[in-house]
Amino acid sequence: MNLVIGGGKIILDEMIAGTDRGLLVTRLWYIRELDPYEKVMYRHDSRRLFLVEKRKVSRSVRNFRFNQSILQMLRNVEALGPARRATAEESFEMVVPPMKS
């Protein structure tokens, strides 16, 4: 299984500087598929997750959980950074960019 997503030219600091309020997810771990047809994924983890307020990273966030369709998330991407190779902790290597959605 491979995941390869081409990147863009916007760097992560620019994405943060363009965000009034949001979440910065720096590590995706313990992701499980809930609906294989709609590609709905589940994550419950509080490691390396930060609140972005007033265009700056303000603090870490705990007890974060999401159920999100990967397809829906990709439809809402606003910006992409340069793609890079990453090793998933649970299964496979991938080439992915930082994304803002």
PDB file of N, CA and C in Angstrom:
ATOM      1  N   MET A   1       0.845  -1.175   0.000  1.00  0.00           N
ATOM      2  CA  MET A   1       0.000   0.000   0.000  1.00  0.00           C
ATOM      3  C   MET A   1       0.886   1.233   0.000  1.00  0.00           C
ATOM      4  N   ASN A   2       0.593   2.190  -0.880  1.00  0.00           N
ATOM      5  CA  ASN A   2       1.353   3.418  -0.971  1.00  0.00           C
ATOM      6  C   ASN A   2       0.423   4.617  -0.952  1.00  0.00           C
ATOM      7  N   LEU A   3       0.896   5.681  -0.365  1.00  0.00           N
ATOM      8  CA  LEU A   3       0.182   6.947  -0.399  1.00  0.00           C
ATOM      9  C   LEU A   3       1.166   7.981  -0.910  1.00  0.00           C
ATOM     10  N   VAL A   4       0.849   8.593  -2.053  1.00  0.00           N
ATOM     11  CA  VAL A   4       1.709   9.619  -2.640  1.00  0.00           C
ATOM     12  C   VAL A   4       0.821  10.795  -3.024  1.00  0.00           C
ATOM     13  N   ILE A   5       1.116  11.956  -2.450  1.00  0.00           N
ATOM     14  CA  ILE A   5       0.375  13.182  -2.754  1.00  0.00           C
ATOM     15  C   ILE A   5       1.390  14.238  -3.151  1.00  0.00           C
ATOM     16  N   GLY A   6       1.225  14.795  -4.345  1.00  0.00           N
ATOM     17  CA  GLY A   6       2.112  15.860  -4.795  1.00  0.00           C
ATOM     18  C   GLY A   6       1.945  17.092  -3.931  1.00  0.00           C
ATOM     19  N   GLY A   7       2.979  17.863  -3.806  1.00  0.00           N
ATOM     20  CA  GLY A   7       2.940  19.014  -2.921  1.00  0.00           C
ATOM     21  C   GLY A   7       2.834  20.339  -3.636  1.00  0.00           C
ATOM     22  N   GLY A   8       2.900  21.400  -2.853  1.00  0.00           N
ATOM     23  CA  GLY A   8       2.864  22.766  -3.344  1.00  0.00           C
ATOM     24  C   GLY A   8       4.088  23.516  -2.872  1.00  0.00           C
ATOM     25  N   LYS A   9       3.978  24.820  -2.783  1.00  0.00           N
ATOM     26  CA  LYS A   9       5.141  25.639  -2.446  1.00  0.00           C
ATOM     27  C   LYS A   9       5.009  26.414  -1.142  1.00  0.00           C
ATOM     28  N   ILE A  10       3.867  26.320  -0.486  1.00  0.00           N
ATOM     29  CA  ILE A  10       3.650  27.088   0.742  1.00  0.00           C
ATOM     30  C   ILE A  10       4.280  26.341   1.915  1.00  0.00           C
ATOM     31  N   ILE A  11       5.094  27.035   2.716  1.00  0.00           N
ATOM     32  CA  ILE A  11       5.734  26.385   3.861  1.00  0.00           C
ATOM     33  C   ILE A  11       4.792  26.411   5.064  1.00  0.00           C
ATOM     34  N   LEU A  12       5.051  25.534   6.006  1.00  0.00           N
ATOM     35  CA  LEU A  12       4.190  25.385   7.179  1.00  0.00           C
ATOM     36  C   LEU A  12       4.034  26.696   7.947  1.00  0.00           C
ATOM     37  N   ASP A  13       5.115  27.456   8.116  1.00  0.00           N
ATOM     38  CA  ASP A  13       5.026  28.730   8.838  1.00  0.00           C
ATOM     39  C   ASP A  13       4.045  29.687   8.164  1.00  0.00           C
ATOM     40  N   GLU A  14       3.968  29.666   6.850  1.00  0.00           N
ATOM     41  CA  GLU A  14       3.019  30.513   6.127  1.00  0.00           C
ATOM     42  C   GLU A  14       1.585  30.042   6.354  1.00  0.00           C
ATOM     43  N   MET A  15       1.399  28.728   6.421  1.00  0.00           N
ATOM     44  CA  MET A  15       0.066  28.187   6.699  1.00  0.00           C
ATOM     45  C   MET A  15      -0.408  28.633   8.078  1.00  0.00           C
ATOM     46  N   ILE A  16       0.479  28.555   9.064  1.00  0.00           N
ATOM     47  CA  ILE A  16       0.141  28.978  10.427  1.00  0.00           C
ATOM     48  C   ILE A  16      -0.148  30.475  10.452  1.00  0.00           C
ATOM     49  N   ALA A  17       0.678  31.264   9.781  1.00  0.00           N
ATOM     50  CA  ALA A  17       0.500  32.721   9.750  1.00  0.00           C
ATOM     51  C   ALA A  17      -0.803  33.129   9.070  1.00  0.00           C
ATOM     52  N   GLY A  18      -1.384  32.258   8.275  1.00  0.00           N
ATOM     53  CA  GLY A  18      -2.642  32.541   7.602  1.00  0.00           C
ATOM     54  C   GLY A  18      -3.852  31.952   8.304  1.00  0.00           C
ATOM     55  N   THR A  19      -3.688  31.523   9.552  1.00  0.00           N
ATOM     56  CA  THR A  19      -4.768  30.863  10.294  1.00  0.00           C
ATOM     57  C   THR A  19      -5.106  31.653  11.548  1.00  0.00           C
ATOM     58  N   ASP A  20      -6.346  32.130  11.644  1.00  0.00           N
ATOM     59  CA  ASP A  20      -6.775  32.849  12.847  1.00  0.00           C
ATOM     60  C   ASP A  20      -7.021  31.899  14.006  1.00  0.00           C
ATOM     61  N   ARG A  21      -7.664  30.757  13.723  1.00  0.00           N
ATOM     62  CA  ARG A  21      -7.915  29.749  14.758  1.00  0.00           C
ATOM     63  C   ARG A  21      -7.996  28.396  14.082  1.00  0.00           C
ATOM     64  N   GLY A  22      -7.235  27.435  14.596  1.00  0.00           N
ATOM     65  CA  GLY A  22      -7.230  26.101  14.015  1.00  0.00           C
ATOM     66  C   GLY A  22      -6.408  25.143  14.843  1.00  0.00           C
ATOM     67  N   LEU A  23      -6.237  23.953  14.326  1.00  0.00           N
ATOM     68  CA  LEU A  23      -5.426  22.928  14.976  1.00  0.00           C
ATOM     69  C   LEU A  23      -4.256  22.563  14.083  1.00  0.00           C
ATOM     70  N   LEU A  24      -3.102  22.410  14.686  1.00  0.00           N
ATOM     71  CA  LEU A  24      -1.905  21.951  13.987  1.00  0.00           C
ATOM     72  C   LEU A  24      -1.656  20.513  14.438  1.00  0.00           C
ATOM     73  N   VAL A  25      -1.813  19.586  13.512  1.00  0.00           N
ATOM     74  CA  VAL A  25      -1.597  18.167  13.791  1.00  0.00           C
ATOM     75  C   VAL A  25      -0.225  17.819  13.242  1.00  0.00           C
ATOM     76  N   THR A  26       0.702  17.481  14.121  1.00  0.00           N
ATOM     77  CA  THR A  26       2.070  17.200  13.684  1.00  0.00           C
ATOM     78  C   THR A  26       2.401  15.717  13.678  1.00  0.00           C
ATOM     79  N   ARG A  27       1.480  14.910  14.145  1.00  0.00           N
ATOM     80  CA  ARG A  27       1.710  13.467  14.153  1.00  0.00           C
ATOM     81  C   ARG A  27       0.375  12.755  14.009  1.00  0.00           C
ATOM     82  N   LEU A  28       0.280  11.901  13.028  1.00  0.00           N
ATOM     83  CA  LEU A  28      -0.913  11.081  12.868  1.00  0.00           C
ATOM     84  C   LEU A  28      -0.562   9.664  13.307  1.00  0.00           C
ATOM     85  N   TRP A  29      -1.184   9.229  14.364  1.00  0.00           N
ATOM     86  CA  TRP A  29      -0.911   7.924  14.940  1.00  0.00           C
ATOM     87  C   TRP A  29      -2.229   7.318  15.386  1.00  0.00           C
ATOM     88  N   TYR A  30      -2.300   6.034  15.345  1.00  0.00           N
ATOM     89  CA  TYR A  30      -3.487   5.282  15.750  1.00  0.00           C
ATOM     90  C   TYR A  30      -4.708   5.721  14.956  1.00  0.00           C
ATOM     91  N   ILE A  31      -4.598   5.665  13.652  1.00  0.00           N
ATOM     92  CA  ILE A  31      -5.725   5.967  12.778  1.00  0.00           C
ATOM     93  C   ILE A  31      -6.357   4.645  12.366  1.00  0.00           C
ATOM     94  N   ARG A  32      -7.656   4.581  12.483  1.00  0.00           N
ATOM     95  CA  ARG A  32      -8.392   3.378  12.121  1.00  0.00           C
ATOM     96  C   ARG A  32      -9.489   3.738  11.121  1.00  0.00           C
ATOM     97  N   GLU A  33      -9.767   2.822  10.216  1.00  0.00           N
ATOM     98  CA  GLU A  33     -10.804   3.032   9.220  1.00  0.00           C
ATOM     99  C   GLU A  33     -12.153   2.586   9.783  1.00  0.00           C
ATOM    100  N   LEU A  34     -13.137   3.480   9.749  1.00  0.00           N
ATOM    101  CA  LEU A  34     -14.478   3.149  10.225  1.00  0.00           C
ATOM    102  C   LEU A  34     -15.398   2.736   9.089  1.00  0.00           C
ATOM    103  N   ASP A  35     -15.246   3.385   7.942  1.00  0.00           N
ATOM    104  CA  ASP A  35     -16.108   3.107   6.801  1.00  0.00           C
ATOM    105  C   ASP A  35     -15.242   3.006   5.552  1.00  0.00           C
ATOM    106  N   PRO A  36     -14.982   1.788   5.073  1.00  0.00           N
ATOM    107  CA  PRO A  36     -14.073   1.633   3.932  1.00  0.00           C
ATOM    108  C   PRO A  36     -14.615   2.219   2.629  1.00  0.00           C
ATOM    109  N   TYR A  37     -15.931   2.290   2.470  1.00  0.00           N
ATOM    110  CA  TYR A  37     -16.502   2.836   1.236  1.00  0.00           C
ATOM    111  C   TYR A  37     -16.346   4.359   1.172  1.00  0.00           C
ATOM    112  N   GLU A  38     -16.661   5.029   2.268  1.00  0.00           N
ATOM    113  CA  GLU A  38     -16.558   6.490   2.327  1.00  0.00           C
ATOM    114  C   GLU A  38     -15.189   6.959   2.815  1.00  0.00           C
ATOM    115  N   LYS A  39     -14.318   6.017   3.196  1.00  0.00           N
ATOM    116  CA  LYS A  39     -12.979   6.308   3.716  1.00  0.00           C
ATOM    117  C   LYS A  39     -13.024   7.201   4.960  1.00  0.00           C
ATOM    118  N   VAL A  40     -13.945   6.881   5.872  1.00  0.00           N
ATOM    119  CA  VAL A  40     -14.041   7.599   7.137  1.00  0.00           C
ATOM    120  C   VAL A  40     -13.014   7.009   8.094  1.00  0.00           C
ATOM    121  N   MET A  41     -12.191   7.883   8.638  1.00  0.00           N
ATOM    122  CA  MET A  41     -11.124   7.469   9.547  1.00  0.00           C
ATOM    123  C   MET A  41     -11.415   8.000  10.952  1.00  0.00           C
ATOM    124  N   TYR A  42     -10.849   7.331  11.926  1.00  0.00           N
ATOM    125  CA  TYR A  42     -11.015   7.667  13.337  1.00  0.00           C
ATOM    126  C   TYR A  42      -9.635   7.850  13.941  1.00  0.00           C
ATOM    127  N   ARG A  43      -9.507   8.864  14.766  1.00  0.00           N
ATOM    128  CA  ARG A  43      -8.254   9.067  15.494  1.00  0.00           C
ATOM    129  C   ARG A  43      -8.584   9.603  16.872  1.00  0.00           C
ATOM    130  N   HIS A  44      -7.941   9.052  17.867  1.00  0.00           N
ATOM    131  CA  HIS A  44      -8.051   9.577  19.226  1.00  0.00           C
ATOM    132  C   HIS A  44      -6.650   9.570  19.808  1.00  0.00           C
ATOM    133  N   ASP A  45      -6.087  10.738  19.889  1.00  0.00           N
ATOM    134  CA  ASP A  45      -4.701  10.851  20.352  1.00  0.00           C
ATOM    135  C   ASP A  45      -4.451  12.305  20.682  1.00  0.00           C
ATOM    136  N   SER A  46      -3.648  12.568  21.650  1.00  0.00           N
ATOM    137  CA  SER A  46      -3.372  13.954  22.008  1.00  0.00           C
ATOM    138  C   SER A  46      -1.895  14.291  21.904  1.00  0.00           C
ATOM    139  N   ARG A  47      -1.128  13.448  21.259  1.00  0.00           N
ATOM    140  CA  ARG A  47       0.287  13.745  21.143  1.00  0.00           C
ATOM    141  C   ARG A  47       0.555  14.655  19.960  1.00  0.00           C
ATOM    142  N   ARG A  48       1.366  15.644  20.183  1.00  0.00           N
ATOM    143  CA  ARG A  48       1.841  16.543  19.134  1.00  0.00           C
ATOM    144  C   ARG A  48       0.694  17.203  18.370  1.00  0.00           C
ATOM    145  N   LEU A  49      -0.241  17.760  19.132  1.00  0.00           N
ATOM    146  CA  LEU A  49      -1.387  18.478  18.589  1.00  0.00           C
ATOM    147  C   LEU A  49      -1.428  19.842  19.271  1.00  0.00           C
ATOM    148  N   PHE A  50      -1.565  20.916  18.472  1.00  0.00           N
ATOM    149  CA  PHE A  50      -1.444  22.262  19.005  1.00  0.00           C
ATOM    150  C   PHE A  50      -2.563  23.166  18.502  1.00  0.00           C
ATOM    151  N   LEU A  51      -2.952  24.118  19.341  1.00  0.00           N
ATOM    152  CA  LEU A  51      -3.940  25.120  18.984  1.00  0.00           C
ATOM    153  C   LEU A  51      -3.231  26.293  18.312  1.00  0.00           C
ATOM    154  N   VAL A  52      -3.784  26.733  17.196  1.00  0.00           N
ATOM    155  CA  VAL A  52      -3.292  27.934  16.516  1.00  0.00           C
ATOM    156  C   VAL A  52      -4.325  29.023  16.765  1.00  0.00           C
ATOM    157  N   GLU A  53      -3.878  30.128  17.365  1.00  0.00           N
ATOM    158  CA  GLU A  53      -4.739  31.270  17.634  1.00  0.00           C
ATOM    159  C   GLU A  53      -4.028  32.537  17.200  1.00  0.00           C
ATOM    160  N   LYS A  54      -4.741  33.411  16.531  1.00  0.00           N
ATOM    161  CA  LYS A  54      -4.202  34.698  16.100  1.00  0.00           C
ATOM    162  C   LYS A  54      -2.904  34.531  15.323  1.00  0.00           C
ATOM    163  N   ARG A  55      -2.901  33.504  14.459  1.00  0.00           N
ATOM    164  CA  ARG A  55      -1.798  33.268  13.522  1.00  0.00           C
ATOM    165  C   ARG A  55      -0.499  32.790  14.173  1.00  0.00           C
ATOM    166  N   LYS A  56      -0.628  32.224  15.400  1.00  0.00           N
ATOM    167  CA  LYS A  56       0.534  31.681  16.107  1.00  0.00           C
ATOM    168  C   LYS A  56       0.140  30.399  16.826  1.00  0.00           C
ATOM    169  N   VAL A  57       1.089  29.493  17.005  1.00  0.00           N
ATOM    170  CA  VAL A  57       0.861  28.293  17.810  1.00  0.00           C
ATOM    171  C   VAL A  57       0.830  28.739  19.262  1.00  0.00           C
ATOM    172  N   SER A  58      -0.304  28.481  19.950  1.00  0.00           N
ATOM    173  CA  SER A  58      -0.445  29.015  21.301  1.00  0.00           C
ATOM    174  C   SER A  58      -0.222  27.983  22.405  1.00  0.00           C
ATOM    175  N   ARG A  59      -0.686  26.744  22.206  1.00  0.00           N
ATOM    176  CA  ARG A  59      -0.526  25.736  23.269  1.00  0.00           C
ATOM    177  C   ARG A  59      -0.862  24.356  22.735  1.00  0.00           C
ATOM    178  N   SER A  60      -0.527  23.340  23.518  1.00  0.00           N
ATOM    179  CA  SER A  60      -0.881  21.977  23.139  1.00  0.00           C
ATOM    180  C   SER A  60      -2.348  21.714  23.478  1.00  0.00           C
ATOM    181  N   VAL A  61      -2.926  20.729  22.804  1.00  0.00           N
ATOM    182  CA  VAL A  61      -4.327  20.365  22.990  1.00  0.00           C
ATOM    183  C   VAL A  61      -4.375  18.895  23.392  1.00  0.00           C
ATOM    184  N   ARG A  62      -5.300  18.564  24.292  1.00  0.00           N
ATOM    185  CA  ARG A  62      -5.459  17.181  24.746  1.00  0.00           C
ATOM    186  C   ARG A  62      -6.853  16.666  24.415  1.00  0.00           C
ATOM    187  N   ASN A  63      -6.967  15.349  24.451  1.00  0.00           N
ATOM    188  CA  ASN A  63      -8.256  14.675  24.250  1.00  0.00           C
ATOM    189  C   ASN A  63      -8.909  15.040  22.923  1.00  0.00           C
ATOM    190  N   PHE A  64      -8.159  14.917  21.872  1.00  0.00           N
ATOM    191  CA  PHE A  64      -8.633  15.223  20.532  1.00  0.00           C
ATOM    192  C   PHE A  64      -9.101  13.946  19.859  1.00  0.00           C
ATOM    193  N   ARG A  65     -10.253  14.016  19.223  1.00  0.00           N
ATOM    194  CA  ARG A  65     -10.789  12.871  18.503  1.00  0.00           C
ATOM    195  C   ARG A  65     -11.446  13.366  17.228  1.00  0.00           C
ATOM    196  N   PHE A  66     -11.259  12.642  16.150  1.00  0.00           N
ATOM    197  CA  PHE A  66     -12.003  12.981  14.940  1.00  0.00           C
ATOM    198  C   PHE A  66     -12.481  11.743  14.233  1.00  0.00           C
ATOM    199  N   ASN A  67     -13.600  11.879  13.557  1.00  0.00           N
ATOM    200  CA  ASN A  67     -14.125  10.924  12.584  1.00  0.00           C
ATOM    201  C   ASN A  67     -14.257  11.749  11.314  1.00  0.00           C
ATOM    202  N   GLN A  68     -13.445  11.466  10.319  1.00  0.00           N
ATOM    203  CA  GLN A  68     -13.393  12.310   9.124  1.00  0.00           C
ATOM    204  C   GLN A  68     -13.191  11.452   7.896  1.00  0.00           C
ATOM    205  N   SER A  69     -13.905  11.779   6.847  1.00  0.00           N
ATOM    206  CA  SER A  69     -13.666  11.141   5.565  1.00  0.00           C
ATOM    207  C   SER A  69     -12.423  11.755   4.939  1.00  0.00           C
ATOM    208  N   ILE A  70     -11.473  10.922   4.579  1.00  0.00           N
ATOM    209  CA  ILE A  70     -10.267  11.404   3.896  1.00  0.00           C
ATOM    210  C   ILE A  70     -10.660  12.103   2.594  1.00  0.00           C
ATOM    211  N   LEU A  71     -11.650  11.577   1.909  1.00  0.00           N
ATOM    212  CA  LEU A  71     -12.104  12.175   0.652  1.00  0.00           C
ATOM    213  C   LEU A  71     -12.642  13.585   0.879  1.00  0.00           C
ATOM    214  N   GLN A  72     -13.440  13.773   1.925  1.00  0.00           N
ATOM    215  CA  GLN A  72     -13.967  15.095   2.254  1.00  0.00           C
ATOM    216  C   GLN A  72     -12.847  16.037   2.666  1.00  0.00           C
ATOM    217  N   MET A  73     -11.909  15.548   3.471  1.00  0.00           N
ATOM    218  CA  MET A  73     -10.792  16.381   3.910  1.00  0.00           C
ATOM    219  C   MET A  73      -9.997  16.870   2.701  1.00  0.00           C
ATOM    220  N   LEU A  74      -9.731  15.989   1.744  1.00  0.00           N
ATOM    221  CA  LEU A  74      -8.958  16.381   0.566  1.00  0.00           C
ATOM    222  C   LEU A  74      -9.709  17.383  -0.306  1.00  0.00           C
ATOM    223  N   ARG A  75     -11.031  17.321  -0.312  1.00  0.00           N
ATOM    224  CA  ARG A  75     -11.828  18.306  -1.070  1.00  0.00           C
ATOM    225  C   ARG A  75     -11.716  19.702  -0.464  1.00  0.00           C
ATOM    226  N   ASN A  76     -11.359  19.790   0.811  1.00  0.00           N
ATOM    227  CA  ASN A  76     -11.296  21.078   1.508  1.00  0.00           C
ATOM    228  C   ASN A  76      -9.877  21.619   1.675  1.00  0.00           C
ATOM    229  N   VAL A  77      -8.907  21.036   1.021  1.00  0.00           N
ATOM    230  CA  VAL A  77      -7.522  21.500   1.149  1.00  0.00           C
ATOM    231  C   VAL A  77      -7.387  22.890   0.543  1.00  0.00           C
ATOM    232  N   GLU A  78      -6.839  23.812   1.328  1.00  0.00           N
ATOM    233  CA  GLU A  78      -6.609  25.188   0.885  1.00  0.00           C
ATOM    234  C   GLU A  78      -5.175  25.408   0.412  1.00  0.00           C
ATOM    235  N   ALA A  79      -4.230  24.700   1.020  1.00  0.00           N
ATOM    236  CA  ALA A  79      -2.820  24.932   0.710  1.00  0.00           C
ATOM    237  C   ALA A  79      -2.021  23.649   0.912  1.00  0.00           C
ATOM    238  N   LEU A  80      -0.971  23.493   0.110  1.00  0.00           N
ATOM    239  CA  LEU A  80      -0.057  22.349   0.212  1.00  0.00           C
ATOM    240  C   LEU A  80       1.370  22.849   0.291  1.00  0.00           C
ATOM    241  N   GLY A  81       2.143  22.223   1.165  1.00  0.00           N
ATOM    242  CA  GLY A  81       3.571  22.500   1.230  1.00  0.00           C
ATOM    243  C   GLY A  81       4.327  21.488   0.392  1.00  0.00           C
ATOM    244  N   PRO A  82       5.649  21.561   0.390  1.00  0.00           N
ATOM    245  CA  PRO A  82       6.460  20.601  -0.368  1.00  0.00           C
ATOM    246  C   PRO A  82       6.287  19.175   0.173  1.00  0.00           C
ATOM    247  N   ALA A  83       6.087  18.231  -0.727  1.00  0.00           N
ATOM    248  CA  ALA A  83       5.925  16.827  -0.323  1.00  0.00           C
ATOM    249  C   ALA A  83       7.239  16.275   0.205  1.00  0.00           C
ATOM    250  N   ARG A  84       7.127  15.349   1.145  1.00  0.00           N
ATOM    251  CA  ARG A  84       8.327  14.682   1.666  1.00  0.00           C
ATOM    252  C   ARG A  84       7.976  13.254   2.040  1.00  0.00           C
ATOM    253  N   ARG A  85       8.981  12.417   2.040  1.00  0.00           N
ATOM    254  CA  ARG A  85       8.793  11.017   2.396  1.00  0.00           C
ATOM    255  C   ARG A  85       8.662  10.901   3.913  1.00  0.00           C
ATOM    256  N   ALA A  86       7.681  10.119   4.325  1.00  0.00           N
ATOM    257  CA  ALA A  86       7.458   9.889   5.749  1.00  0.00           C
ATOM    258  C   ALA A  86       7.202   8.405   5.961  1.00  0.00           C
ATOM    259  N   THR A  87       7.568   7.916   7.114  1.00  0.00           N
ATOM    260  CA  THR A  87       7.305   6.528   7.457  1.00  0.00           C
ATOM    261  C   THR A  87       6.180   6.489   8.467  1.00  0.00           C
ATOM    262  N   ALA A  88       5.129   5.807   8.123  1.00  0.00           N
ATOM    263  CA  ALA A  88       4.019   5.644   9.058  1.00  0.00           C
ATOM    264  C   ALA A  88       4.457   4.689  10.163  1.00  0.00           C
ATOM    265  N   GLU A  89       3.990   4.951  11.352  1.00  0.00           N
ATOM    266  CA  GLU A  89       4.397   4.135  12.488  1.00  0.00           C
ATOM    267  C   GLU A  89       3.745   2.761  12.481  1.00  0.00           C
ATOM    268  N   GLU A  90       2.668   2.614  11.759  1.00  0.00           N
ATOM    269  CA  GLU A  90       1.914   1.376  11.848  1.00  0.00           C
ATOM    270  C   GLU A  90       1.963   0.501  10.615  1.00  0.00           C
ATOM    271  N   SER A  91       2.285   1.085   9.415  1.00  0.00           N
ATOM    272  CA  SER A  91       2.145   0.188   8.281  1.00  0.00           C
ATOM    273  C   SER A  91       3.043   0.467   7.089  1.00  0.00           C
ATOM    274  N   PHE A  92       3.085   1.662   6.557  1.00  0.00           N
ATOM    275  CA  PHE A  92       3.717   1.855   5.266  1.00  0.00           C
ATOM    276  C   PHE A  92       4.376   3.220   5.156  1.00  0.00           C
ATOM    277  N   GLU A  93       5.234   3.347   4.149  1.00  0.00           N
ATOM    278  CA  GLU A  93       5.835   4.642   3.857  1.00  0.00           C
ATOM    279  C   GLU A  93       4.922   5.425   2.933  1.00  0.00           C
ATOM    280  N   MET A  94       5.064   6.751   2.969  1.00  0.00           N
ATOM    281  CA  MET A  94       4.253   7.591   2.106  1.00  0.00           C
ATOM    282  C   MET A  94       5.020   8.845   1.720  1.00  0.00           C
ATOM    283  N   VAL A  95       4.547   9.519   0.703  1.00  0.00           N
ATOM    284  CA  VAL A  95       5.069  10.806   0.301  1.00  0.00           C
ATOM    285  C   VAL A  95       3.898  11.780   0.400  1.00  0.00           C
ATOM    286  N   VAL A  96       3.977  12.729   1.345  1.00  0.00           N
ATOM    287  CA  VAL A  96       2.868  13.635   1.601  1.00  0.00           C
ATOM    288  C   VAL A  96       3.391  15.034   1.913  1.00  0.00           C
ATOM    289  N   PRO A  97       2.587  16.048   1.591  1.00  0.00           N
ATOM    290  CA  PRO A  97       2.956  17.421   1.936  1.00  0.00           C
ATOM    291  C   PRO A  97       2.226  17.869   3.204  1.00  0.00           C
ATOM    292  N   PRO A  98       2.705  18.921   3.855  1.00  0.00           N
ATOM    293  CA  PRO A  98       1.865  19.567   4.867  1.00  0.00           C
ATOM    294  C   PRO A  98       0.622  20.096   4.168  1.00  0.00           C
ATOM    295  N   MET A  99      -0.529  20.013   4.823  1.00  0.00           N
ATOM    296  CA  MET A  99      -1.782  20.455   4.219  1.00  0.00           C
ATOM    297  C   MET A  99      -2.532  21.383   5.167  1.00  0.00           C
ATOM    298  N   LYS A 100      -3.201  22.352   4.586  1.00  0.00           N
ATOM    299  CA  LYS A 100      -4.115  23.208   5.348  1.00  0.00           C
ATOM    300  C   LYS A 100      -5.496  23.029   4.756  1.00  0.00           C
ATOM    301  N   SER A 101      -6.447  22.644   5.611  1.00  0.00           N
ATOM    302  CA  SER A 101      -7.823  22.522   5.117  1.00  0.00           C
ATOM    303  C   SER A 101      -8.777  23.145   6.107  1.00  0.00           C
TER     304      SER A 101
END
